[in-house]
PDB file of all heavy atoms in Angstrom:
ATOM      1  N   ASN A   1    -199.329 -83.709  19.672  1.00  0.00           N
ATOM      2  CA  ASN A   1    -200.308 -83.914  20.742  1.00  0.00           C
ATOM      3  C   ASN A   1    -199.921 -85.194  21.485  1.00  0.00           C
ATOM      4  O   ASN A   1    -200.467 -86.262  21.248  1.00  0.00           O
ATOM      5  CB  ASN A   1    -201.722 -84.027  20.163  1.00  0.00           C
ATOM      6  CG  ASN A   1    -202.791 -84.092  21.244  1.00  0.00           C
ATOM      7  OD1 ASN A   1    -202.500 -84.370  22.407  1.00  0.00           O
ATOM      8  ND2 ASN A   1    -204.034 -83.840  20.868  1.00  0.00           N
ATOM      9  N   LEU A   2    -198.964 -85.061  22.395  1.00  0.00           N
ATOM     10  CA  LEU A   2    -198.438 -86.242  23.090  1.00  0.00           C
ATOM     11  C   LEU A   2    -199.474 -86.886  24.005  1.00  0.00           C
ATOM     12  O   LEU A   2    -199.334 -88.053  24.372  1.00  0.00           O
ATOM     13  CB  LEU A   2    -197.194 -85.850  23.885  1.00  0.00           C
ATOM     14  CG  LEU A   2    -195.962 -85.492  23.040  1.00  0.00           C
ATOM     15  CD1 LEU A   2    -194.832 -85.017  23.937  1.00  0.00           C
ATOM     16  CD2 LEU A   2    -195.504 -86.672  22.194  1.00  0.00           C
ATOM     17  N   SER A   3    -200.520 -86.154  24.379  1.00  0.00           N
ATOM     18  CA  SER A   3    -201.536 -86.743  25.249  1.00  0.00           C
ATOM     19  C   SER A   3    -202.256 -87.906  24.565  1.00  0.00           C
ATOM     20  O   SER A   3    -202.878 -88.732  25.232  1.00  0.00           O
ATOM     21  CB  SER A   3    -202.560 -85.687  25.671  1.00  0.00           C
ATOM     22  OG  SER A   3    -203.471 -85.392  24.626  1.00  0.00           O
ATOM     23  N   ARG A   4    -202.189 -87.981  23.244  1.00  0.00           N
ATOM     24  CA  ARG A   4    -202.864 -89.072  22.543  1.00  0.00           C
ATOM     25  C   ARG A   4    -202.299 -90.433  22.941  1.00  0.00           C
ATOM     26  O   ARG A   4    -203.014 -91.436  22.914  1.00  0.00           O
ATOM     27  CB  ARG A   4    -202.746 -88.869  21.026  1.00  0.00           C
ATOM     28  CG  ARG A   4    -203.628 -87.738  20.511  1.00  0.00           C
ATOM     29  CD  ARG A   4    -203.464 -87.528  19.029  1.00  0.00           C
ATOM     30  NE  ARG A   4    -204.422 -86.541  18.536  1.00  0.00           N
ATOM     31  CZ  ARG A   4    -204.437 -86.083  17.301  1.00  0.00           C
ATOM     32  NH1 ARG A   4    -203.542 -86.512  16.419  1.00  0.00           N
ATOM     33  NH2 ARG A   4    -205.342 -85.202  16.931  1.00  0.00           N
ATOM     34  N   LEU A   5    -201.020 -90.480  23.287  1.00  0.00           N
ATOM     35  CA  LEU A   5    -200.446 -91.746  23.739  1.00  0.00           C
ATOM     36  C   LEU A   5    -201.126 -92.228  25.010  1.00  0.00           C
ATOM     37  O   LEU A   5    -201.487 -93.408  25.139  1.00  0.00           O
ATOM     38  CB  LEU A   5    -198.945 -91.578  23.965  1.00  0.00           C
ATOM     39  CG  LEU A   5    -198.071 -91.469  22.709  1.00  0.00           C
ATOM     40  CD1 LEU A   5    -196.664 -91.028  23.078  1.00  0.00           C
ATOM     41  CD2 LEU A   5    -198.035 -92.794  21.960  1.00  0.00           C
ATOM     42  N   LEU A   6    -201.316 -91.315  25.973  1.00  0.00           N
ATOM     43  CA  LEU A   6    -201.991 -91.696  27.213  1.00  0.00           C
ATOM     44  C   LEU A   6    -203.451 -92.054  26.961  1.00  0.00           C
ATOM     45  O   LEU A   6    -203.976 -93.015  27.520  1.00  0.00           O
ATOM     46  CB  LEU A   6    -201.909 -90.550  28.222  1.00  0.00           C
ATOM     47  CG  LEU A   6    -200.668 -90.472  29.109  1.00  0.00           C
ATOM     48  CD1 LEU A   6    -200.709 -89.213  29.947  1.00  0.00           C
ATOM     49  CD2 LEU A   6    -200.541 -91.686  29.995  1.00  0.00           C
ATOM     50  N   GLN A   7    -204.112 -91.277  26.106  1.00  0.00           N
ATOM     51  CA  GLN A   7    -205.519 -91.548  25.837  1.00  0.00           C
ATOM     52  C   GLN A   7    -205.708 -92.929  25.209  1.00  0.00           C
ATOM     53  O   GLN A   7    -206.641 -93.656  25.557  1.00  0.00           O
ATOM     54  CB  GLN A   7    -206.083 -90.475  24.909  1.00  0.00           C
ATOM     55  CG  GLN A   7    -206.133 -89.090  25.537  1.00  0.00           C
ATOM     56  CD  GLN A   7    -206.755 -88.068  24.621  1.00  0.00           C
ATOM     57  OE1 GLN A   7    -207.909 -88.187  24.224  1.00  0.00           O
ATOM     58  NE2 GLN A   7    -206.002 -87.043  24.262  1.00  0.00           N
ATOM     59  N   CYS A   8    -204.823 -93.287  24.287  1.00  0.00           N
ATOM     60  CA  CYS A   8    -204.966 -94.570  23.617  1.00  0.00           C
ATOM     61  C   CYS A   8    -204.593 -95.730  24.537  1.00  0.00           C
ATOM     62  O   CYS A   8    -205.108 -96.843  24.370  1.00  0.00           O
ATOM     63  CB  CYS A   8    -204.121 -94.596  22.346  1.00  0.00           C
ATOM     64  SG  CYS A   8    -204.801 -93.516  21.059  1.00  0.00           S
ATOM     65  N   GLN A   9    -203.729 -95.497  25.502  1.00  0.00           N
ATOM     66  CA  GLN A   9    -203.408 -96.551  26.456  1.00  0.00           C
ATOM     67  C   GLN A   9    -204.605 -96.886  27.340  1.00  0.00           C
ATOM     68  O   GLN A   9    -204.700 -98.009  27.876  1.00  0.00           O
ATOM     69  CB  GLN A   9    -202.209 -96.150  27.324  1.00  0.00           C
ATOM     70  CG  GLN A   9    -201.646 -97.306  28.144  1.00  0.00           C
ATOM     71  CD  GLN A   9    -200.572 -96.874  29.128  1.00  0.00           C
ATOM     72  OE1 GLN A   9    -200.171 -95.709  29.159  1.00  0.00           O
ATOM     73  NE2 GLN A   9    -200.113 -97.800  29.939  1.00  0.00           N
ATOM     74  N   VAL A  10    -205.539 -95.949  27.484  1.00  0.00           N
ATOM     75  CA  VAL A  10    -206.741 -96.202  28.290  1.00  0.00           C
ATOM     76  C   VAL A  10    -207.495 -97.416  27.765  1.00  0.00           C
ATOM     77  O   VAL A  10    -208.177 -98.117  28.535  1.00  0.00           O
ATOM     78  CB  VAL A  10    -207.641 -94.944  28.309  1.00  0.00           C
ATOM     79  CG1 VAL A  10    -208.990 -95.232  28.953  1.00  0.00           C
ATOM     80  CG2 VAL A  10    -206.946 -93.812  29.068  1.00  0.00           C
ATOM     81  N   GLU A  11    -207.384 -97.701  26.461  1.00  0.00           N
ATOM     82  CA  GLU A  11    -208.042 -98.868  25.881  1.00  0.00           C
ATOM     83  C   GLU A  11    -207.620-100.149  26.582  1.00  0.00           C
ATOM     84  O   GLU A  11    -208.404-101.110  26.677  1.00  0.00           O
ATOM     85  CB  GLU A  11    -207.701 -98.950  24.390  1.00  0.00           C
ATOM     86  CG  GLU A  11    -208.278-100.147  23.655  1.00  0.00           C
ATOM     87  CD  GLU A  11    -209.783-100.057  23.472  1.00  0.00           C
ATOM     88  OE1 GLU A  11    -210.333 -98.948  23.570  1.00  0.00           O
ATOM     89  OE2 GLU A  11    -210.410-101.108  23.248  1.00  0.00           O
ATOM     90  N   ASP A  12    -206.384-100.189  27.102  1.00  0.00           N
ATOM     91  CA  ASP A  12    -205.859-101.383  27.769  1.00  0.00           C
ATOM     92  C   ASP A  12    -206.000-101.328  29.286  1.00  0.00           C
ATOM     93  O   ASP A  12    -205.444-102.179  29.989  1.00  0.00           O
ATOM     94  CB  ASP A  12    -204.370-101.571  27.411  1.00  0.00           C
ATOM     95  CG  ASP A  12    -204.154-101.774  25.921  1.00  0.00           C
ATOM     96  OD1 ASP A  12    -205.075-102.295  25.265  1.00  0.00           O
ATOM     97  OD2 ASP A  12    -203.084-101.405  25.416  1.00  0.00           O
ATOM     98  N   VAL A  13    -206.695-100.327  29.805  1.00  0.00           N
ATOM     99  CA  VAL A  13    -206.819-100.136  31.252  1.00  0.00           C
ATOM    100  C   VAL A  13    -208.263-100.393  31.668  1.00  0.00           C
ATOM    101  O   VAL A  13    -209.202 -99.873  31.049  1.00  0.00           O
ATOM    102  CB  VAL A  13    -206.403 -98.704  31.661  1.00  0.00           C
ATOM    103  CG1 VAL A  13    -206.635 -98.478  33.149  1.00  0.00           C
ATOM    104  CG2 VAL A  13    -204.937 -98.462  31.310  1.00  0.00           C
ATOM    105  N   ARG A  14    -208.440-101.172  32.709  1.00  0.00           N
ATOM    106  CA  ARG A  14    -209.778-101.447  33.237  1.00  0.00           C
ATOM    107  C   ARG A  14    -210.107-100.418  34.305  1.00  0.00           C
ATOM    108  O   ARG A  14    -209.621-100.491  35.433  1.00  0.00           O
ATOM    109  CB  ARG A  14    -209.841-102.862  33.804  1.00  0.00           C
ATOM    110  CG  ARG A  14    -211.246-103.294  34.190  1.00  0.00           C
ATOM    111  CD  ARG A  14    -211.300-104.775  34.484  1.00  0.00           C
ATOM    112  NE  ARG A  14    -212.656-105.224  34.755  1.00  0.00           N
ATOM    113  CZ  ARG A  14    -212.988-106.489  34.927  1.00  0.00           C
ATOM    114  NH1 ARG A  14    -212.060-107.437  34.850  1.00  0.00           N
ATOM    115  NH2 ARG A  14    -214.238-106.819  35.166  1.00  0.00           N
ATOM    116  N   LEU A  15    -210.940 -99.463  33.935  1.00  0.00           N
ATOM    117  CA  LEU A  15    -211.299 -98.404  34.864  1.00  0.00           C
ATOM    118  C   LEU A  15    -212.400 -98.878  35.808  1.00  0.00           C
ATOM    119  O   LEU A  15    -213.326 -99.577  35.389  1.00  0.00           O
ATOM    120  CB  LEU A  15    -211.785 -97.167  34.098  1.00  0.00           C
ATOM    121  CG  LEU A  15    -210.774 -96.499  33.168  1.00  0.00           C
ATOM    122  CD1 LEU A  15    -211.447 -95.404  32.365  1.00  0.00           C
ATOM    123  CD2 LEU A  15    -209.597 -95.945  33.961  1.00  0.00           C
ATOM    124  N   PRO A  16    -212.328 -98.492  37.078  1.00  0.00           N
ATOM    125  CA  PRO A  16    -213.400 -98.871  38.011  1.00  0.00           C
ATOM    126  C   PRO A  16    -214.693 -98.131  37.684  1.00  0.00           C
ATOM    127  O   PRO A  16    -214.678 -97.016  37.156  1.00  0.00           O
ATOM    128  CB  PRO A  16    -212.843 -98.439  39.370  1.00  0.00           C
ATOM    129  CG  PRO A  16    -211.856 -97.366  39.065  1.00  0.00           C
ATOM    130  CD  PRO A  16    -211.258 -97.715  37.737  1.00  0.00           C
ATOM    131  N   GLN A  17    -215.802 -98.761  37.955  1.00  0.00           N
ATOM    132  CA  GLN A  17    -217.106 -98.134  37.760  1.00  0.00           C
ATOM    133  C   GLN A  17    -217.449 -97.307  38.996  1.00  0.00           C
ATOM    134  O   GLN A  17    -217.673 -97.848  40.070  1.00  0.00           O
ATOM    135  CB  GLN A  17    -218.182 -99.203  37.518  1.00  0.00           C
ATOM    136  CG  GLN A  17    -217.987 -99.980  36.221  1.00  0.00           C
ATOM    137  CD  GLN A  17    -218.137 -99.103  34.995  1.00  0.00           C
ATOM    138  OE1 GLN A  17    -219.025 -98.245  34.932  1.00  0.00           O
ATOM    139  NE2 GLN A  17    -217.274 -99.301  34.016  1.00  0.00           N
ATOM    140  N   LEU A  18    -217.449 -96.002  38.830  1.00  0.00           N
ATOM    141  CA  LEU A  18    -217.708 -95.107  39.954  1.00  0.00           C
ATOM    142  C   LEU A  18    -218.969 -94.296  39.706  1.00  0.00           C
ATOM    143  O   LEU A  18    -219.268 -93.920  38.561  1.00  0.00           O
ATOM    144  CB  LEU A  18    -216.520 -94.154  40.155  1.00  0.00           C
ATOM    145  CG  LEU A  18    -215.155 -94.794  40.456  1.00  0.00           C
ATOM    146  CD1 LEU A  18    -214.092 -93.714  40.581  1.00  0.00           C
ATOM    147  CD2 LEU A  18    -215.226 -95.607  41.733  1.00  0.00           C
ATOM    148  N   THR A  19    -219.686 -94.004  40.777  1.00  0.00           N
ATOM    149  CA  THR A  19    -220.836 -93.108  40.705  1.00  0.00           C
ATOM    150  C   THR A  19    -220.366 -91.699  41.027  1.00  0.00           C
ATOM    151  O   THR A  19    -219.653 -91.489  42.019  1.00  0.00           O
ATOM    152  CB  THR A  19    -221.914 -93.526  41.723  1.00  0.00           C
ATOM    153  OG1 THR A  19    -222.306 -94.871  41.435  1.00  0.00           O
ATOM    154  CG2 THR A  19    -223.112 -92.611  41.646  1.00  0.00           C
ATOM    155  N   PRO A  20    -220.696 -90.704  40.206  1.00  0.00           N
ATOM    156  CA  PRO A  20    -220.265 -89.332  40.504  1.00  0.00           C
ATOM    157  C   PRO A  20    -220.706 -88.927  41.907  1.00  0.00           C
ATOM    158  O   PRO A  20    -221.829 -89.254  42.329  1.00  0.00           O
ATOM    159  CB  PRO A  20    -220.975 -88.504  39.426  1.00  0.00           C
ATOM    160  CG  PRO A  20    -221.227 -89.456  38.310  1.00  0.00           C
ATOM    161  CD  PRO A  20    -221.469 -90.790  38.952  1.00  0.00           C
ATOM    162  N   PRO A  21    -219.869 -88.246  42.659  1.00  0.00           N
ATOM    163  CA  PRO A  21    -220.251 -87.829  44.021  1.00  0.00           C
ATOM    164  C   PRO A  21    -221.518 -86.984  44.001  1.00  0.00           C
ATOM    165  O   PRO A  21    -221.651 -86.069  43.168  1.00  0.00           O
ATOM    166  CB  PRO A  21    -219.032 -87.014  44.492  1.00  0.00           C
ATOM    167  CG  PRO A  21    -217.900 -87.463  43.616  1.00  0.00           C
ATOM    168  CD  PRO A  21    -218.506 -87.819  42.301  1.00  0.00           C
ATOM    169  N   ARG A  22    -222.433 -87.280  44.884  1.00  0.00           N
ATOM    170  CA  ARG A  22    -223.721 -86.582  44.873  1.00  0.00           C
ATOM    171  C   ARG A  22    -223.566 -85.104  45.232  1.00  0.00           C
ATOM    172  O   ARG A  22    -224.413 -84.278  44.861  1.00  0.00           O
ATOM    173  CB  ARG A  22    -224.705 -87.247  45.838  1.00  0.00           C
ATOM    174  CG  ARG A  22    -224.238 -87.306  47.284  1.00  0.00           C
ATOM    175  CD  ARG A  22    -225.253 -88.023  48.176  1.00  0.00           C
ATOM    176  NE  ARG A  22    -224.815 -88.095  49.561  1.00  0.00           N
ATOM    177  CZ  ARG A  22    -224.051 -89.059  50.039  1.00  0.00           C
ATOM    178  NH1 ARG A  22    -223.637 -90.028  49.247  1.00  0.00           N
ATOM    179  NH2 ARG A  22    -223.678 -89.059  51.319  1.00  0.00           N
ATOM    180  N   GLU A  23    -222.499 -84.759  45.951  1.00  0.00           N
ATOM    181  CA  GLU A  23    -222.292 -83.365  46.344  1.00  0.00           C
ATOM    182  C   GLU A  23    -221.483 -82.567  45.314  1.00  0.00           C
ATOM    183  O   GLU A  23    -221.190 -81.388  45.528  1.00  0.00           O
ATOM    184  CB  GLU A  23    -221.606 -83.297  47.716  1.00  0.00           C
ATOM    185  CG  GLU A  23    -220.186 -83.871  47.762  1.00  0.00           C
ATOM    186  CD  GLU A  23    -220.137 -85.352  48.111  1.00  0.00           C
ATOM    187  OE1 GLU A  23    -221.041 -86.099  47.677  1.00  0.00           O
ATOM    188  OE2 GLU A  23    -219.197 -85.751  48.816  1.00  0.00           O
ATOM    189  N   LEU A  24    -221.134 -83.194  44.187  1.00  0.00           N
ATOM    190  CA  LEU A  24    -220.298 -82.535  43.169  1.00  0.00           C
ATOM    191  C   LEU A  24    -221.062 -81.397  42.498  1.00  0.00           C
ATOM    192  O   LEU A  24    -222.191 -81.591  42.033  1.00  0.00           O
ATOM    193  CB  LEU A  24    -219.863 -83.558  42.121  1.00  0.00           C
ATOM    194  CG  LEU A  24    -218.926 -83.051  41.013  1.00  0.00           C
ATOM    195  CD1 LEU A  24    -217.574 -82.673  41.594  1.00  0.00           C
ATOM    196  CD2 LEU A  24    -218.758 -84.107  39.920  1.00  0.00           C
ATOM    197  N   VAL A  25    -220.413 -80.214  42.424  1.00  0.00           N
ATOM    198  CA  VAL A  25    -221.047 -79.059  41.776  1.00  0.00           C
ATOM    199  C   VAL A  25    -220.198 -78.467  40.655  1.00  0.00           C
ATOM    200  O   VAL A  25    -220.662 -77.580  39.936  1.00  0.00           O
ATOM    201  CB  VAL A  25    -221.380 -77.943  42.790  1.00  0.00           C
ATOM    202  CG1 VAL A  25    -222.404 -78.431  43.802  1.00  0.00           C
ATOM    203  CG2 VAL A  25    -220.122 -77.426  43.480  1.00  0.00           C
ATOM    204  N   GLY A  26    -218.956 -78.928  40.488  1.00  0.00           N
ATOM    205  CA  GLY A  26    -218.117 -78.355  39.436  1.00  0.00           C
ATOM    206  C   GLY A  26    -216.824 -79.121  39.264  1.00  0.00           C
ATOM    207  O   GLY A  26    -216.389 -79.854  40.160  1.00  0.00           O
ATOM    208  N   VAL A  27    -216.208 -78.947  38.076  1.00  0.00           N
ATOM    209  CA  VAL A  27    -214.923 -79.565  37.746  1.00  0.00           C
ATOM    210  C   VAL A  27    -214.010 -78.498  37.155  1.00  0.00           C
ATOM    211  O   VAL A  27    -214.448 -77.677  36.329  1.00  0.00           O
ATOM    212  CB  VAL A  27    -215.094 -80.726  36.736  1.00  0.00           C
ATOM    213  CG1 VAL A  27    -213.732 -81.249  36.280  1.00  0.00           C
ATOM    214  CG2 VAL A  27    -215.914 -81.855  37.342  1.00  0.00           C
ATOM    215  N   ILE A  28    -212.742 -78.506  37.596  1.00  0.00           N
ATOM    216  CA  ILE A  28    -211.730 -77.587  37.062  1.00  0.00           C
ATOM    217  C   ILE A  28    -210.610 -78.433  36.470  1.00  0.00           C
ATOM    218  O   ILE A  28    -210.057 -79.300  37.159  1.00  0.00           O
ATOM    219  CB  ILE A  28    -211.166 -76.668  38.161  1.00  0.00           C
ATOM    220  CG1 ILE A  28    -212.282 -75.841  38.795  1.00  0.00           C
ATOM    221  CG2 ILE A  28    -210.085 -75.755  37.603  1.00  0.00           C
ATOM    222  CD1 ILE A  28    -211.846 -75.084  40.044  1.00  0.00           C
ATOM    223  N   GLY A  29    -210.269 -78.191  35.211  1.00  0.00           N
ATOM    224  CA  GLY A  29    -209.197 -78.933  34.568  1.00  0.00           C
ATOM    225  C   GLY A  29    -208.166 -78.008  33.959  1.00  0.00           C
ATOM    226  O   GLY A  29    -208.467 -77.280  33.014  1.00  0.00           O
ATOM    227  N   MET A  30    -206.953 -78.011  34.507  1.00  0.00           N
ATOM    228  CA  MET A  30    -205.846 -77.275  33.898  1.00  0.00           C
ATOM    229  C   MET A  30    -205.148 -78.176  32.885  1.00  0.00           C
ATOM    230  O   MET A  30    -204.792 -79.310  33.207  1.00  0.00           O
ATOM    231  CB  MET A  30    -204.822 -76.851  34.964  1.00  0.00           C
ATOM    232  CG  MET A  30    -205.269 -75.764  35.898  1.00  0.00           C
ATOM    233  SD  MET A  30    -203.912 -75.339  37.034  1.00  0.00           S
ATOM    234  CE  MET A  30    -204.694 -74.048  37.996  1.00  0.00           C
ATOM    235  N   ASN A  31    -204.967 -77.670  31.667  1.00  0.00           N
ATOM    236  CA  ASN A  31    -204.279 -78.423  30.608  1.00  0.00           C
ATOM    237  C   ASN A  31    -204.867 -79.831  30.492  1.00  0.00           C
ATOM    238  O   ASN A  31    -204.153 -80.830  30.437  1.00  0.00           O
ATOM    239  CB  ASN A  31    -202.769 -78.479  30.864  1.00  0.00           C
ATOM    240  CG  ASN A  31    -202.164 -77.096  30.999  1.00  0.00           C
ATOM    241  OD1 ASN A  31    -202.034 -76.582  32.102  1.00  0.00           O
ATOM    242  ND2 ASN A  31    -201.815 -76.498  29.882  1.00  0.00           N
ATOM    243  N   SER A  32    -206.179 -79.877  30.462  1.00  0.00           N
ATOM    244  CA  SER A  32    -206.891 -81.144  30.410  1.00  0.00           C
ATOM    245  C   SER A  32    -206.810 -81.744  29.012  1.00  0.00           C
ATOM    246  O   SER A  32    -206.446 -81.070  28.046  1.00  0.00           O
ATOM    247  CB  SER A  32    -208.351 -80.921  30.813  1.00  0.00           C
ATOM    248  OG  SER A  32    -208.891 -79.869  30.037  1.00  0.00           O
ATOM    249  N   PHE A  33    -207.189 -83.021  28.894  1.00  0.00           N
ATOM    250  CA  PHE A  33    -207.196 -83.684  27.596  1.00  0.00           C
ATOM    251  C   PHE A  33    -208.237 -84.787  27.595  1.00  0.00           C
ATOM    252  O   PHE A  33    -208.718 -85.205  28.640  1.00  0.00           O
ATOM    253  CB  PHE A  33    -205.808 -84.223  27.236  1.00  0.00           C
ATOM    254  CG  PHE A  33    -205.246 -85.228  28.210  1.00  0.00           C
ATOM    255  CD1 PHE A  33    -205.444 -86.587  28.021  1.00  0.00           C
ATOM    256  CD2 PHE A  33    -204.504 -84.820  29.319  1.00  0.00           C
ATOM    257  CE1 PHE A  33    -204.923 -87.518  28.904  1.00  0.00           C
ATOM    258  CE2 PHE A  33    -203.973 -85.741  30.212  1.00  0.00           C
ATOM    259  CZ  PHE A  33    -204.185 -87.099  30.006  1.00  0.00           C
ATOM    260  N   GLY A  34    -208.577 -85.279  26.395  1.00  0.00           N
ATOM    261  CA  GLY A  34    -209.576 -86.333  26.276  1.00  0.00           C
ATOM    262  C   GLY A  34    -210.311 -86.316  24.951  1.00  0.00           C
ATOM    263  O   GLY A  34    -211.399 -86.878  24.842  1.00  0.00           O
ATOM    264  N   SER A  35    -209.731 -85.695  23.912  1.00  0.00           N
ATOM    265  CA  SER A  35    -210.426 -85.570  22.630  1.00  0.00           C
ATOM    266  C   SER A  35    -210.679 -86.915  21.971  1.00  0.00           C
ATOM    267  O   SER A  35    -211.641 -87.055  21.209  1.00  0.00           O
ATOM    268  CB  SER A  35    -209.623 -84.674  21.681  1.00  0.00           C
ATOM    269  OG  SER A  35    -208.329 -85.215  21.447  1.00  0.00           O
ATOM    270  N   LEU A  36    -209.828 -87.916  22.218  1.00  0.00           N
ATOM    271  CA  LEU A  36    -210.062 -89.246  21.671  1.00  0.00           C
ATOM    272  C   LEU A  36    -211.028 -90.048  22.539  1.00  0.00           C
ATOM    273  O   LEU A  36    -211.757 -90.911  22.047  1.00  0.00           O
ATOM    274  CB  LEU A  36    -208.740 -90.012  21.533  1.00  0.00           C
ATOM    275  CG  LEU A  36    -207.744 -89.448  20.523  1.00  0.00           C
ATOM    276  CD1 LEU A  36    -206.444 -90.243  20.547  1.00  0.00           C
ATOM    277  CD2 LEU A  36    -208.326 -89.428  19.127  1.00  0.00           C
ATOM    278  N   LEU A  37    -211.037 -89.760  23.823  1.00  0.00           N
ATOM    279  CA  LEU A  37    -211.965 -90.445  24.725  1.00  0.00           C
ATOM    280  C   LEU A  37    -213.389 -89.953  24.522  1.00  0.00           C
ATOM    281  O   LEU A  37    -214.346 -90.728  24.591  1.00  0.00           O
ATOM    282  CB  LEU A  37    -211.545 -90.215  26.179  1.00  0.00           C
ATOM    283  CG  LEU A  37    -210.131 -90.658  26.563  1.00  0.00           C
ATOM    284  CD1 LEU A  37    -209.820 -90.240  27.981  1.00  0.00           C
ATOM    285  CD2 LEU A  37    -209.970 -92.153  26.398  1.00  0.00           C
ATOM    286  N   TRP A  38    -213.518 -88.640  24.261  1.00  0.00           N
ATOM    287  CA  TRP A  38    -214.837 -88.024  24.100  1.00  0.00           C
ATOM    288  C   TRP A  38    -214.825 -87.136  22.859  1.00  0.00           C
ATOM    289  O   TRP A  38    -214.670 -85.916  22.955  1.00  0.00           O
ATOM    290  CB  TRP A  38    -215.188 -87.188  25.336  1.00  0.00           C
ATOM    291  CG  TRP A  38    -215.096 -87.965  26.606  1.00  0.00           C
ATOM    292  CD1 TRP A  38    -215.938 -88.969  27.002  1.00  0.00           C
ATOM    293  CD2 TRP A  38    -214.118 -87.825  27.653  1.00  0.00           C
ATOM    294  NE1 TRP A  38    -215.546 -89.454  28.225  1.00  0.00           N
ATOM    295  CE2 TRP A  38    -214.432 -88.775  28.643  1.00  0.00           C
ATOM    296  CE3 TRP A  38    -213.026 -86.993  27.839  1.00  0.00           C
ATOM    297  CZ2 TRP A  38    -213.683 -88.915  29.810  1.00  0.00           C
ATOM    298  CZ3 TRP A  38    -212.273 -87.124  28.982  1.00  0.00           C
ATOM    299  CH2 TRP A  38    -212.600 -88.073  29.957  1.00  0.00           C
ATOM    300  N   PRO A  39    -215.003 -87.716  21.676  1.00  0.00           N
ATOM    301  CA  PRO A  39    -214.977 -86.901  20.444  1.00  0.00           C
ATOM    302  C   PRO A  39    -216.154 -85.935  20.387  1.00  0.00           C
ATOM    303  O   PRO A  39    -217.222 -86.179  20.966  1.00  0.00           O
ATOM    304  CB  PRO A  39    -215.063 -87.951  19.324  1.00  0.00           C
ATOM    305  CG  PRO A  39    -215.654 -89.157  19.970  1.00  0.00           C
ATOM    306  CD  PRO A  39    -215.204 -89.145  21.400  1.00  0.00           C
ATOM    307  N   ARG A  40    -215.936 -84.825  19.694  1.00  0.00           N
ATOM    308  CA  ARG A  40    -216.943 -83.764  19.631  1.00  0.00           C
ATOM    309  C   ARG A  40    -218.251 -84.212  18.995  1.00  0.00           C
ATOM    310  O   ARG A  40    -219.313 -83.712  19.335  1.00  0.00           O
ATOM    311  CB  ARG A  40    -216.395 -82.579  18.822  1.00  0.00           C
ATOM    312  CG  ARG A  40    -215.699 -81.527  19.647  1.00  0.00           C
ATOM    313  CD  ARG A  40    -215.182 -80.454  18.732  1.00  0.00           C
ATOM    314  NE  ARG A  40    -213.783 -80.700  18.382  1.00  0.00           N
ATOM    315  CZ  ARG A  40    -213.156 -80.128  17.373  1.00  0.00           C
ATOM    316  NH1 ARG A  40    -213.811 -79.308  16.587  1.00  0.00           N
ATOM    317  NH2 ARG A  40    -211.899 -80.379  17.154  1.00  0.00           N
ATOM    318  N   ASP A  41    -218.160 -85.154  18.045  1.00  0.00           N
ATOM    319  CA  ASP A  41    -219.369 -85.565  17.344  1.00  0.00           C
ATOM    320  C   ASP A  41    -220.194 -86.567  18.146  1.00  0.00           C
ATOM    321  O   ASP A  41    -221.274 -86.983  17.714  1.00  0.00           O
ATOM    322  CB  ASP A  41    -219.028 -86.158  15.975  1.00  0.00           C
ATOM    323  CG  ASP A  41    -218.099 -87.362  16.079  1.00  0.00           C
ATOM    324  OD1 ASP A  41    -217.544 -87.598  17.163  1.00  0.00           O
ATOM    325  OD2 ASP A  41    -217.934 -88.067  15.064  1.00  0.00           O
ATOM    326  N   ARG A  42    -219.685 -86.969  19.327  1.00  0.00           N
ATOM    327  CA  ARG A  42    -220.433 -87.892  20.179  1.00  0.00           C
ATOM    328  C   ARG A  42    -220.371 -87.387  21.615  1.00  0.00           C
ATOM    329  O   ARG A  42    -219.728 -87.980  22.475  1.00  0.00           O
ATOM    330  CB  ARG A  42    -219.867 -89.303  20.072  1.00  0.00           C
ATOM    331  CG  ARG A  42    -219.923 -89.880  18.660  1.00  0.00           C
ATOM    332  CD  ARG A  42    -219.403 -91.305  18.640  1.00  0.00           C
ATOM    333  NE  ARG A  42    -220.231 -92.177  19.463  1.00  0.00           N
ATOM    334  CZ  ARG A  42    -219.931 -93.453  19.714  1.00  0.00           C
ATOM    335  NH1 ARG A  42    -218.832 -93.988  19.218  1.00  0.00           N
ATOM    336  NH2 ARG A  42    -220.728 -94.192  20.462  1.00  0.00           N
ATOM    337  N   PRO A  43    -221.013 -86.245  21.893  1.00  0.00           N
ATOM    338  CA  PRO A  43    -220.890 -85.635  23.222  1.00  0.00           C
ATOM    339  C   PRO A  43    -221.488 -86.509  24.312  1.00  0.00           C
ATOM    340  O   PRO A  43    -222.388 -87.306  24.090  1.00  0.00           O
ATOM    341  CB  PRO A  43    -221.672 -84.327  23.072  1.00  0.00           C
ATOM    342  CG  PRO A  43    -222.624 -84.588  21.949  1.00  0.00           C
ATOM    343  CD  PRO A  43    -221.922 -85.509  21.013  1.00  0.00           C
ATOM    344  N   ILE A  44    -220.953 -86.333  25.499  1.00  0.00           N
ATOM    345  CA  ILE A  44    -221.437 -87.057  26.675  1.00  0.00           C
ATOM    346  C   ILE A  44    -221.745 -86.027  27.760  1.00  0.00           C
ATOM    347  O   ILE A  44    -221.010 -85.053  27.950  1.00  0.00           O
ATOM    348  CB  ILE A  44    -220.389 -88.085  27.158  1.00  0.00           C
ATOM    349  CG1 ILE A  44    -220.914 -88.859  28.364  1.00  0.00           C
ATOM    350  CG2 ILE A  44    -219.058 -87.446  27.460  1.00  0.00           C
ATOM    351  CD1 ILE A  44    -220.038 -90.035  28.750  1.00  0.00           C
TER     352      ILE A  44
END
């Protein structure tokens, strides 16, 4: 699972604080990843 390298590097990245677009109605992710960012036992 090579995506884990990118996910763990996020710890060292300062992400901007963004408000979700008010007109947003859906998200499509091809070959998406994020299991370490959002573990199943702590849903968001």
